[in-house]
Protein backbone atom coordinates (compact mmCIF):
# COMPACT_ATOMS: atom_id res chain seq x y z
CA MET A 1 -110.96 -102.56 -227.07
CA GLY A 2 -108.26 -100.41 -225.59
CA ARG A 3 -106.69 -100.18 -222.23
CA PRO A 4 -108.61 -98.20 -219.86
CA ARG A 5 -107.43 -94.45 -219.10
CA SER A 6 -106.21 -95.24 -215.74
CA ALA A 7 -103.96 -98.22 -216.79
CA ARG A 8 -99.96 -97.60 -215.62
CA ARG A 9 -97.20 -97.73 -218.09
CA ARG A 10 -94.03 -99.09 -216.76
CA ILE A 11 -90.92 -97.13 -217.64
CA LEU A 12 -87.86 -99.59 -218.28
CA PRO A 13 -84.20 -98.71 -218.49
CA SER A 14 -84.44 -99.55 -222.47
CA ASP A 15 -86.74 -96.33 -222.49
CA CYS A 16 -84.49 -94.27 -220.63
CA ALA A 17 -81.03 -95.61 -220.70
CA PRO A 18 -79.17 -92.57 -220.42
CA CYS A 19 -80.80 -91.69 -216.94
CA TYR A 20 -81.53 -94.82 -215.92
CA ARG A 21 -79.76 -95.97 -212.34
CA ALA A 22 -79.68 -99.77 -212.09
CA THR A 23 -80.03 -99.17 -207.90
CA MET A 24 -83.17 -97.64 -208.75
CA PRO A 25 -86.65 -99.36 -209.33
CA PRO A 26 -88.87 -98.34 -212.46
CA PHE A 27 -91.42 -96.21 -211.69
CA ALA A 28 -94.98 -96.14 -213.41
CA LEU A 29 -97.18 -93.24 -214.87
CA THR A 30 -101.05 -93.52 -215.74
CA ASP A 31 -101.93 -92.36 -219.46
CA ASP A 32 -102.88 -89.00 -218.01
CA GLN A 33 -99.67 -88.57 -215.90
CA LEU A 34 -97.81 -89.43 -218.95
CA HIS A 35 -99.79 -87.09 -221.37
CA SER A 36 -99.16 -84.27 -218.73
CA VAL A 37 -95.37 -85.10 -218.99
CA MET A 38 -95.22 -84.96 -222.91
CA MET A 39 -97.64 -81.67 -223.16
CA ALA A 40 -95.36 -80.00 -220.65
CA ALA A 41 -92.48 -81.19 -222.66
CA GLN A 42 -93.97 -80.30 -226.33
CA PRO A 43 -92.95 -76.46 -226.53
CA PHE A 44 -89.41 -77.13 -225.83
CA ASP A 45 -86.66 -77.46 -228.84
CA PRO A 46 -85.89 -81.10 -229.45
CA SER A 47 -82.38 -80.15 -228.18
CA LYS A 48 -83.59 -79.22 -224.70
CA ARG A 49 -86.69 -81.71 -224.43
CA ASP A 50 -84.29 -84.41 -223.22
CA VAL A 51 -82.65 -82.59 -220.68
CA PHE A 52 -86.08 -81.52 -219.55
CA LEU A 53 -87.53 -84.77 -219.61
CA GLN A 54 -84.67 -86.43 -217.48
CA ARG A 55 -85.19 -84.02 -214.71
CA ILE A 56 -88.68 -84.92 -214.58
CA ALA A 57 -87.60 -88.64 -214.28
CA GLY A 58 -84.73 -87.74 -211.59
CA GLU A 59 -87.30 -85.86 -209.55
CA LEU A 60 -89.28 -88.77 -209.74
CA ARG A 61 -86.90 -91.24 -208.89
CA ARG A 62 -85.64 -89.20 -206.11
CA LEU A 63 -89.19 -89.38 -204.31
CA GLY A 64 -88.58 -93.42 -204.64
CA LEU A 65 -92.11 -94.13 -205.37
CA ARG A 66 -93.02 -96.70 -207.72
CA TYR A 67 -96.24 -95.17 -208.61
CA PRO A 68 -96.40 -91.38 -208.43
CA SER A 69 -99.19 -89.57 -207.68
CA ASN A 70 -100.54 -86.87 -209.77
CA ASP A 71 -99.64 -84.18 -207.53
CA ASP A 72 -95.82 -86.00 -207.54
CA VAL A 73 -95.95 -85.66 -211.10
CA ASP A 74 -97.40 -81.90 -211.37
CA ARG A 75 -94.69 -81.18 -208.77
CA ALA A 76 -91.79 -82.98 -210.83
CA ILE A 77 -92.86 -81.00 -213.76
CA ARG A 78 -93.13 -77.62 -212.06
CA THR A 79 -89.42 -78.25 -210.43
CA ALA A 80 -87.94 -79.47 -213.81
CA LEU A 81 -89.23 -76.17 -215.45
CA THR A 82 -87.93 -74.15 -212.61
CA ARG A 83 -84.58 -75.93 -212.84
CA LEU A 84 -84.51 -75.03 -216.77
CA GLN A 85 -85.40 -71.80 -216.49
CA GLN A 86 -82.48 -70.88 -213.93
CA ALA A 87 -79.68 -72.89 -215.86
CA PRO A 88 -77.07 -70.58 -217.41
CA ALA A 89 -77.33 -70.32 -221.14
CA ALA A 90 -74.71 -72.38 -222.87
């Protein structure tokens, strides 16, 4: 039997080594929240996907919540999308 759909996954330093800050505690996402993040990242070219995911993680860390709400995750996704669209082309 699998984990309940609402089980939270802990994001560990080894999962996000380049963007982890030792002074920041890890945060946890539900399966549904993680699914939302992955669906939002899917359309991006793999070279841009990492930047997008790091921006989402940064927004969530900035909130300082160990267990962000669905609204917090959705807002972080929207903010990361907006900032990526506003970034100058390299």
